[in-house]
Amino acid sequence: MNKYKQNAEREIDLHGYTTNETEIILNSLVIGNKYRHVQIIVDKGNNSTNGPVLPNFVRNYLNTRNIHYNQSKLEDGGEGAIEVFF
């Protein structure tokens, strides 16, 4: 069973993606305008040498475009997914 919520219209898992690849994916979501609720899995960055990168990158991307989102909790209590509402 997936430990993330399943109520979004679309789920995008960004594990292993760079910020450049992530920006391309986010741009296609915004331009495509196909979904009203998307869950973006950014993980907690435990394997990153300098700490988590994608969670901050995605939140900044959404904030600069005034896109509403909520941080989701993983079952173990950590931050790892972002619920986006278009």
PDB file of N, CA and C in Angstrom:
ATOM      1  N   MET A   1       0.832  -1.190   0.000  1.00  0.00           N
ATOM      2  CA  MET A   1       0.000   0.000   0.000  1.00  0.00           C
ATOM      3  C   MET A   1       0.876   1.252   0.000  1.00  0.00           C
ATOM      4  N   ASN A   2       0.523   2.210  -0.798  1.00  0.00           N
ATOM      5  CA  ASN A   2       1.259   3.461  -0.866  1.00  0.00           C
ATOM      6  C   ASN A   2       1.029   4.257   0.412  1.00  0.00           C
ATOM      7  N   LYS A   3       2.105   4.830   0.969  1.00  0.00           N
ATOM      8  CA  LYS A   3       1.971   5.567   2.222  1.00  0.00           C
ATOM      9  C   LYS A   3       1.493   6.995   2.020  1.00  0.00           C
ATOM     10  N   TYR A   4       1.249   7.414   0.795  1.00  0.00           N
ATOM     11  CA  TYR A   4       0.772   8.756   0.506  1.00  0.00           C
ATOM     12  C   TYR A   4      -0.739   8.744   0.287  1.00  0.00           C
ATOM     13  N   LYS A   5      -1.358   9.885   0.444  1.00  0.00           N
ATOM     14  CA  LYS A   5      -2.794   9.994   0.213  1.00  0.00           C
ATOM     15  C   LYS A   5      -3.120   9.650  -1.235  1.00  0.00           C
ATOM     16  N   GLN A   6      -4.324   9.176  -1.469  1.00  0.00           N
ATOM     17  CA  GLN A   6      -4.711   8.755  -2.810  1.00  0.00           C
ATOM     18  C   GLN A   6      -5.905   9.534  -3.356  1.00  0.00           C
ATOM     19  N   ASN A   7      -6.211  10.704  -2.838  1.00  0.00           N
ATOM     20  CA  ASN A   7      -7.416  11.409  -3.254  1.00  0.00           C
ATOM     21  C   ASN A   7      -7.178  12.451  -4.346  1.00  0.00           C
ATOM     22  N   ALA A   8      -5.965  12.575  -4.830  1.00  0.00           N
ATOM     23  CA  ALA A   8      -5.662  13.533  -5.895  1.00  0.00           C
ATOM     24  C   ALA A   8      -6.039  12.931  -7.251  1.00  0.00           C
ATOM     25  N   GLU A   9      -6.307  13.809  -8.220  1.00  0.00           N
ATOM     26  CA  GLU A   9      -6.596  13.349  -9.582  1.00  0.00           C
ATOM     27  C   GLU A   9      -5.343  12.779 -10.244  1.00  0.00           C
ATOM     28  N   ARG A  10      -4.201  13.285  -9.847  1.00  0.00           N
ATOM     29  CA  ARG A  10      -2.926  12.867 -10.443  1.00  0.00           C
ATOM     30  C   ARG A  10      -1.868  12.867  -9.363  1.00  0.00           C
ATOM     31  N   GLU A  11      -0.979  11.891  -9.409  1.00  0.00           N
ATOM     32  CA  GLU A  11       0.140  11.817  -8.482  1.00  0.00           C
ATOM     33  C   GLU A  11       1.425  11.826  -9.296  1.00  0.00           C
ATOM     34  N   ILE A  12       2.341  12.683  -8.905  1.00  0.00           N
ATOM     35  CA  ILE A  12       3.622  12.772  -9.609  1.00  0.00           C
ATOM     36  C   ILE A  12       4.731  12.539  -8.592  1.00  0.00           C
ATOM     37  N   ASP A  13       5.546  11.539  -8.834  1.00  0.00           N
ATOM     38  CA  ASP A  13       6.641  11.181  -7.933  1.00  0.00           C
ATOM     39  C   ASP A  13       7.938  11.747  -8.496  1.00  0.00           C
ATOM     40  N   LEU A  14       8.554  12.666  -7.761  1.00  0.00           N
ATOM     41  CA  LEU A  14       9.759  13.341  -8.241  1.00  0.00           C
ATOM     42  C   LEU A  14      11.047  12.792  -7.620  1.00  0.00           C
ATOM     43  N   HIS A  15      10.990  11.609  -7.012  1.00  0.00           N
ATOM     44  CA  HIS A  15      12.203  10.998  -6.462  1.00  0.00           C
ATOM     45  C   HIS A  15      13.273  10.908  -7.551  1.00  0.00           C
ATOM     46  N   GLY A  16      14.456  11.411  -7.273  1.00  0.00           N
ATOM     47  CA  GLY A  16      15.560  11.295  -8.203  1.00  0.00           C
ATOM     48  C   GLY A  16      15.611  12.346  -9.294  1.00  0.00           C
ATOM     49  N   TYR A  17      14.643  13.240  -9.339  1.00  0.00           N
ATOM     50  CA  TYR A  17      14.633  14.276 -10.371  1.00  0.00           C
ATOM     51  C   TYR A  17      15.494  15.472  -9.949  1.00  0.00           C
ATOM     52  N   THR A  18      16.054  16.146 -10.927  1.00  0.00           N
ATOM     53  CA  THR A  18      16.794  17.380 -10.670  1.00  0.00           C
ATOM     54  C   THR A  18      15.802  18.540 -10.616  1.00  0.00           C
ATOM     55  N   THR A  19      16.270  19.699 -10.170  1.00  0.00           N
ATOM     56  CA  THR A  19      15.387  20.868 -10.154  1.00  0.00           C
ATOM     57  C   THR A  19      15.010  21.278 -11.580  1.00  0.00           C
ATOM     58  N   ASN A  20      15.915  21.118 -12.534  1.00  0.00           N
ATOM     59  CA  ASN A  20      15.593  21.447 -13.935  1.00  0.00           C
ATOM     60  C   ASN A  20      14.502  20.533 -14.472  1.00  0.00           C
ATOM     61  N   GLU A  21      14.610  19.243 -14.211  1.00  0.00           N
ATOM     62  CA  GLU A  21      13.591  18.297 -14.655  1.00  0.00           C
ATOM     63  C   GLU A  21      12.262  18.569 -13.954  1.00  0.00           C
ATOM     64  N   THR A  22      12.346  18.897 -12.669  1.00  0.00           N
ATOM     65  CA  THR A  22      11.146  19.209 -11.894  1.00  0.00           C
ATOM     66  C   THR A  22      10.449  20.443 -12.439  1.00  0.00           C
ATOM     67  N   GLU A  23      11.212  21.462 -12.799  1.00  0.00           N
ATOM     68  CA  GLU A  23      10.616  22.683 -13.345  1.00  0.00           C
ATOM     69  C   GLU A  23       9.879  22.398 -14.657  1.00  0.00           C
ATOM     70  N   ILE A  24      10.438  21.549 -15.492  1.00  0.00           N
ATOM     71  CA  ILE A  24       9.779  21.188 -16.749  1.00  0.00           C
ATOM     72  C   ILE A  24       8.445  20.492 -16.465  1.00  0.00           C
ATOM     73  N   ILE A  25       8.439  19.590 -15.503  1.00  0.00           N
ATOM     74  CA  ILE A  25       7.213  18.875 -15.141  1.00  0.00           C
ATOM     75  C   ILE A  25       6.178  19.837 -14.576  1.00  0.00           C
ATOM     76  N   LEU A  26       6.600  20.719 -13.680  1.00  0.00           N
ATOM     77  CA  LEU A  26       5.670  21.688 -13.086  1.00  0.00           C
ATOM     78  C   LEU A  26       5.120  22.639 -14.148  1.00  0.00           C
ATOM     79  N   ASN A  27       5.975  23.086 -15.065  1.00  0.00           N
ATOM     80  CA  ASN A  27       5.506  23.951 -16.151  1.00  0.00           C
ATOM     81  C   ASN A  27       4.433  23.257 -16.988  1.00  0.00           C
ATOM     82  N   SER A  28       4.639  21.981 -17.273  1.00  0.00           N
ATOM     83  CA  SER A  28       3.652  21.256 -18.084  1.00  0.00           C
ATOM     84  C   SER A  28       2.332  21.104 -17.333  1.00  0.00           C
ATOM     85  N   LEU A  29       2.388  20.970 -16.011  1.00  0.00           N
ATOM     86  CA  LEU A  29       1.157  20.908 -15.218  1.00  0.00           C
ATOM     87  C   LEU A  29       0.395  22.222 -15.272  1.00  0.00           C
ATOM     88  N   VAL A  30       1.122  23.319 -15.116  1.00  0.00           N
ATOM     89  CA  VAL A  30       0.491  24.640 -15.106  1.00  0.00           C
ATOM     90  C   VAL A  30      -0.070  24.974 -16.487  1.00  0.00           C
ATOM     91  N   ILE A  31       0.712  24.725 -17.523  1.00  0.00           N
ATOM     92  CA  ILE A  31       0.278  25.050 -18.884  1.00  0.00           C
ATOM     93  C   ILE A  31      -0.848  24.117 -19.333  1.00  0.00           C
ATOM     94  N   GLY A  32      -0.726  22.827 -18.988  1.00  0.00           N
ATOM     95  CA  GLY A  32      -1.726  21.855 -19.410  1.00  0.00           C
ATOM     96  C   GLY A  32      -3.087  22.078 -18.794  1.00  0.00           C
ATOM     97  N   ASN A  33      -3.115  22.550 -17.553  1.00  0.00           N
ATOM     98  CA  ASN A  33      -4.368  22.886 -16.866  1.00  0.00           C
ATOM     99  C   ASN A  33      -5.407  21.764 -16.964  1.00  0.00           C
ATOM    100  N   LYS A  34      -4.959  20.500 -16.830  1.00  0.00           N
ATOM    101  CA  LYS A  34      -5.856  19.358 -16.940  1.00  0.00           C
ATOM    102  C   LYS A  34      -6.410  18.907 -15.595  1.00  0.00           C
ATOM    103  N   TYR A  35      -5.736  19.255 -14.513  1.00  0.00           N
ATOM    104  CA  TYR A  35      -6.092  18.741 -13.203  1.00  0.00           C
ATOM    105  C   TYR A  35      -6.388  19.878 -12.234  1.00  0.00           C
ATOM    106  N   ARG A  36      -7.282  19.596 -11.294  1.00  0.00           N
ATOM    107  CA  ARG A  36      -7.569  20.569 -10.237  1.00  0.00           C
ATOM    108  C   ARG A  36      -6.821  20.236  -8.958  1.00  0.00           C
ATOM    109  N   HIS A  37      -6.483  18.962  -8.763  1.00  0.00           N
ATOM    110  CA  HIS A  37      -5.808  18.516  -7.542  1.00  0.00           C
ATOM    111  C   HIS A  37      -4.730  17.512  -7.913  1.00  0.00           C
ATOM    112  N   VAL A  38      -3.479  17.866  -7.628  1.00  0.00           N
ATOM    113  CA  VAL A  38      -2.341  17.011  -7.947  1.00  0.00           C
ATOM    114  C   VAL A  38      -1.517  16.821  -6.681  1.00  0.00           C
ATOM    115  N   GLN A  39      -1.090  15.603  -6.457  1.00  0.00           N
ATOM    116  CA  GLN A  39      -0.174  15.345  -5.347  1.00  0.00           C
ATOM    117  C   GLN A  39       1.220  15.178  -5.923  1.00  0.00           C
ATOM    118  N   ILE A  40       2.149  15.982  -5.434  1.00  0.00           N
ATOM    119  CA  ILE A  40       3.531  15.925  -5.893  1.00  0.00           C
ATOM    120  C   ILE A  40       4.369  15.344  -4.763  1.00  0.00           C
ATOM    121  N   ILE A  41       4.963  14.193  -5.009  1.00  0.00           N
ATOM    122  CA  ILE A  41       5.787  13.533  -4.004  1.00  0.00           C
ATOM    123  C   ILE A  41       7.218  14.012  -4.172  1.00  0.00           C
ATOM    124  N   VAL A  42       7.708  14.689  -3.144  1.00  0.00           N
ATOM    125  CA  VAL A  42       9.047  15.265  -3.184  1.00  0.00           C
ATOM    126  C   VAL A  42       9.993  14.582  -2.208  1.00  0.00           C
ATOM    127  N   ASP A  43       9.481  13.717  -1.361  1.00  0.00           N
ATOM    128  CA  ASP A  43      10.241  12.990  -0.365  1.00  0.00           C
ATOM    129  C   ASP A  43      10.847  13.945   0.658  1.00  0.00           C
ATOM    130  N   LYS A  44      11.623  13.399   1.560  1.00  0.00           N
ATOM    131  CA  LYS A  44      12.184  14.172   2.660  1.00  0.00           C
ATOM    132  C   LYS A  44      13.636  14.553   2.437  1.00  0.00           C
ATOM    133  N   GLY A  45      14.250  14.081   1.373  1.00  0.00           N
ATOM    134  CA  GLY A  45      15.628  14.429   1.071  1.00  0.00           C
ATOM    135  C   GLY A  45      16.657  13.746   1.947  1.00  0.00           C
ATOM    136  N   ASN A  46      16.335  12.599   2.507  1.00  0.00           N
ATOM    137  CA  ASN A  46      17.270  11.898   3.390  1.00  0.00           C
ATOM    138  C   ASN A  46      18.533  11.447   2.668  1.00  0.00           C
ATOM    139  N   ASN A  47      18.465  11.246   1.361  1.00  0.00           N
ATOM    140  CA  ASN A  47      19.633  10.787   0.604  1.00  0.00           C
ATOM    141  C   ASN A  47      20.410  11.926  -0.043  1.00  0.00           C
ATOM    142  N   SER A  48      19.993  13.154   0.202  1.00  0.00           N
ATOM    143  CA  SER A  48      20.699  14.311  -0.362  1.00  0.00           C
ATOM    144  C   SER A  48      21.817  14.725   0.568  1.00  0.00           C
ATOM    145  N   THR A  49      22.993  14.962   0.000  1.00  0.00           N
ATOM    146  CA  THR A  49      24.144  15.340   0.822  1.00  0.00           C
ATOM    147  C   THR A  49      23.949  16.665   1.544  1.00  0.00           C
ATOM    148  N   ASN A  50      23.293  17.615   0.903  1.00  0.00           N
ATOM    149  CA  ASN A  50      23.103  18.934   1.500  1.00  0.00           C
ATOM    150  C   ASN A  50      21.680  19.157   2.008  1.00  0.00           C
ATOM    151  N   GLY A  51      20.964  18.083   2.256  1.00  0.00           N
ATOM    152  CA  GLY A  51      19.596  18.210   2.741  1.00  0.00           C
ATOM    153  C   GLY A  51      18.608  18.252   1.598  1.00  0.00           C
ATOM    154  N   PRO A  52      17.323  18.337   1.927  1.00  0.00           N
ATOM    155  CA  PRO A  52      16.286  18.301   0.901  1.00  0.00           C
ATOM    156  C   PRO A  52      16.331  19.513  -0.025  1.00  0.00           C
ATOM    157  N   VAL A  53      16.207  19.277  -1.310  1.00  0.00           N
ATOM    158  CA  VAL A  53      16.220  20.340  -2.310  1.00  0.00           C
ATOM    159  C   VAL A  53      14.835  20.511  -2.944  1.00  0.00           C
ATOM    160  N   LEU A  54      14.245  19.405  -3.377  1.00  0.00           N
ATOM    161  CA  LEU A  54      12.986  19.489  -4.116  1.00  0.00           C
ATOM    162  C   LEU A  54      11.816  20.059  -3.327  1.00  0.00           C
ATOM    163  N   PRO A  55      11.648  19.733  -2.043  1.00  0.00           N
ATOM    164  CA  PRO A  55      10.508  20.324  -1.336  1.00  0.00           C
ATOM    165  C   PRO A  55      10.529  21.854  -1.378  1.00  0.00           C
ATOM    166  N   ASN A  56      11.681  22.437  -1.095  1.00  0.00           N
ATOM    167  CA  ASN A  56      11.801  23.901  -1.123  1.00  0.00           C
ATOM    168  C   ASN A  56      11.648  24.453  -2.534  1.00  0.00           C
ATOM    169  N   PHE A  57      12.223  23.759  -3.503  1.00  0.00           N
ATOM    170  CA  PHE A  57      12.121  24.204  -4.888  1.00  0.00           C
ATOM    171  C   PHE A  57      10.671  24.229  -5.348  1.00  0.00           C
ATOM    172  N   VAL A  58       9.928  23.157  -5.079  1.00  0.00           N
ATOM    173  CA  VAL A  58       8.532  23.062  -5.509  1.00  0.00           C
ATOM    174  C   VAL A  58       7.683  24.112  -4.789  1.00  0.00           C
ATOM    175  N   ARG A  59       7.864  24.271  -3.473  1.00  0.00           N
ATOM    176  CA  ARG A  59       7.091  25.282  -2.740  1.00  0.00           C
ATOM    177  C   ARG A  59       7.380  26.682  -3.277  1.00  0.00           C
ATOM    178  N   ASN A  60       8.637  26.986  -3.558  1.00  0.00           N
ATOM    179  CA  ASN A  60       8.994  28.293  -4.107  1.00  0.00           C
ATOM    180  C   ASN A  60       8.356  28.488  -5.485  1.00  0.00           C
ATOM    181  N   TYR A  61       8.401  27.469  -6.320  1.00  0.00           N
ATOM    182  CA  TYR A  61       7.783  27.528  -7.647  1.00  0.00           C
ATOM    183  C   TYR A  61       6.301  27.858  -7.519  1.00  0.00           C
ATOM    184  N   LEU A  62       5.617  27.162  -6.640  1.00  0.00           N
ATOM    185  CA  LEU A  62       4.173  27.368  -6.453  1.00  0.00           C
ATOM    186  C   LEU A  62       3.882  28.744  -5.858  1.00  0.00           C
ATOM    187  N   ASN A  63       4.672  29.157  -4.875  1.00  0.00           N
ATOM    188  CA  ASN A  63       4.467  30.472  -4.252  1.00  0.00           C
ATOM    189  C   ASN A  63       4.625  31.615  -5.243  1.00  0.00           C
ATOM    190  N   THR A  64       5.631  31.541  -6.106  1.00  0.00           N
ATOM    191  CA  THR A  64       5.873  32.630  -7.050  1.00  0.00           C
ATOM    192  C   THR A  64       4.779  32.718  -8.117  1.00  0.00           C
ATOM    193  N   ARG A  65       3.995  31.655  -8.247  1.00  0.00           N
ATOM    194  CA  ARG A  65       2.895  31.644  -9.229  1.00  0.00           C
ATOM    195  C   ARG A  65       1.525  31.705  -8.562  1.00  0.00           C
ATOM    196  N   ASN A  66       1.526  31.960  -7.253  1.00  0.00           N
ATOM    197  CA  ASN A  66       0.280  32.057  -6.467  1.00  0.00           C
ATOM    198  C   ASN A  66      -0.609  30.825  -6.633  1.00  0.00           C
ATOM    199  N   ILE A  67       0.008  29.662  -6.635  1.00  0.00           N
ATOM    200  CA  ILE A  67      -0.728  28.403  -6.727  1.00  0.00           C
ATOM    201  C   ILE A  67      -0.894  27.853  -5.321  1.00  0.00           C
ATOM    202  N   HIS A  68      -2.135  27.521  -4.956  1.00  0.00           N
ATOM    203  CA  HIS A  68      -2.449  27.047  -3.618  1.00  0.00           C
ATOM    204  C   HIS A  68      -1.960  25.611  -3.421  1.00  0.00           C
ATOM    205  N   TYR A  69      -1.368  25.342  -2.260  1.00  0.00           N
ATOM    206  CA  TYR A  69      -0.917  23.990  -1.941  1.00  0.00           C
ATOM    207  C   TYR A  69      -0.954  23.776  -0.435  1.00  0.00           C
ATOM    208  N   ASN A  70      -0.924  22.512  -0.049  1.00  0.00           N
ATOM    209  CA  ASN A  70      -0.804  22.104   1.350  1.00  0.00           C
ATOM    210  C   ASN A  70       0.302  21.075   1.439  1.00  0.00           C
ATOM    211  N   GLN A  71       1.075  21.129   2.512  1.00  0.00           N
ATOM    212  CA  GLN A  71       2.090  20.113   2.762  1.00  0.00           C
ATOM    213  C   GLN A  71       1.387  18.891   3.330  1.00  0.00           C
ATOM    214  N   SER A  72       1.680  17.718   2.795  1.00  0.00           N
ATOM    215  CA  SER A  72       1.090  16.476   3.299  1.00  0.00           C
ATOM    216  C   SER A  72       2.090  15.779   4.208  1.00  0.00           C
ATOM    217  N   LYS A  73       1.575  15.019   5.123  1.00  0.00           N
ATOM    218  CA  LYS A  73       2.413  14.246   6.037  1.00  0.00           C
ATOM    219  C   LYS A  73       2.490  12.803   5.567  1.00  0.00           C
ATOM    220  N   LEU A  74       3.658  12.213   5.738  1.00  0.00           N
ATOM    221  CA  LEU A  74       3.806  10.785   5.506  1.00  0.00           C
ATOM    222  C   LEU A  74       3.311  10.055   6.743  1.00  0.00           C
ATOM    223  N   GLU A  75       3.102   8.756   6.615  1.00  0.00           N
ATOM    224  CA  GLU A  75       2.635   7.985   7.758  1.00  0.00           C
ATOM    225  C   GLU A  75       3.582   8.078   8.937  1.00  0.00           C
ATOM    226  N   ASP A  76       4.892   8.190   8.675  1.00  0.00           N
ATOM    227  CA  ASP A  76       5.846   8.248   9.772  1.00  0.00           C
ATOM    228  C   ASP A  76       6.000   9.660  10.339  1.00  0.00           C
ATOM    229  N   GLY A  77       5.167  10.599   9.874  1.00  0.00           N
ATOM    230  CA  GLY A  77       5.143  11.932  10.446  1.00  0.00           C
ATOM    231  C   GLY A  77       5.984  12.964   9.741  1.00  0.00           C
ATOM    232  N   GLY A  78       6.769  12.553   8.744  1.00  0.00           N
ATOM    233  CA  GLY A  78       7.618  13.515   8.053  1.00  0.00           C
ATOM    234  C   GLY A  78       6.910  14.176   6.886  1.00  0.00           C
ATOM    235  N   GLU A  79       7.522  15.227   6.381  1.00  0.00           N
ATOM    236  CA  GLU A  79       6.997  15.917   5.206  1.00  0.00           C
ATOM    237  C   GLU A  79       7.520  15.195   3.977  1.00  0.00           C
ATOM    238  N   GLY A  80       6.668  14.949   2.992  1.00  0.00           N
ATOM    239  CA  GLY A  80       7.151  14.240   1.818  1.00  0.00           C
ATOM    240  C   GLY A  80       6.319  14.423   0.577  1.00  0.00           C
ATOM    241  N   ALA A  81       5.156  15.066   0.710  1.00  0.00           N
ATOM    242  CA  ALA A  81       4.305  15.271  -0.449  1.00  0.00           C
ATOM    243  C   ALA A  81       3.675  16.651  -0.346  1.00  0.00           C
ATOM    244  N   ILE A  82       3.357  17.212  -1.499  1.00  0.00           N
ATOM    245  CA  ILE A  82       2.710  18.520  -1.559  1.00  0.00           C
ATOM    246  C   ILE A  82       1.414  18.357  -2.352  1.00  0.00           C
ATOM    247  N   GLU A  83       0.310  18.721  -1.727  1.00  0.00           N
ATOM    248  CA  GLU A  83      -1.003  18.678  -2.373  1.00  0.00           C
ATOM    249  C   GLU A  83      -1.212  20.022  -3.065  1.00  0.00           C
ATOM    250  N   VAL A  84      -1.362  20.006  -4.392  1.00  0.00           N
ATOM    251  CA  VAL A  84      -1.482  21.237  -5.173  1.00  0.00           C
ATOM    252  C   VAL A  84      -2.912  21.366  -5.694  1.00  0.00           C
ATOM    253  N   PHE A  85      -3.455  22.582  -5.583  1.00  0.00           N
ATOM    254  CA  PHE A  85      -4.822  22.839  -6.011  1.00  0.00           C
ATOM    255  C   PHE A  85      -4.825  23.957  -7.048  1.00  0.00           C
ATOM    256  N   PHE A  86      -5.244  23.638  -8.262  1.00  0.00           N
ATOM    257  CA  PHE A  86      -5.277  24.616  -9.343  1.00  0.00           C
ATOM    258  C   PHE A  86      -6.657  25.229  -9.448  1.00  0.00           C
TER     259      PHE A  86
END
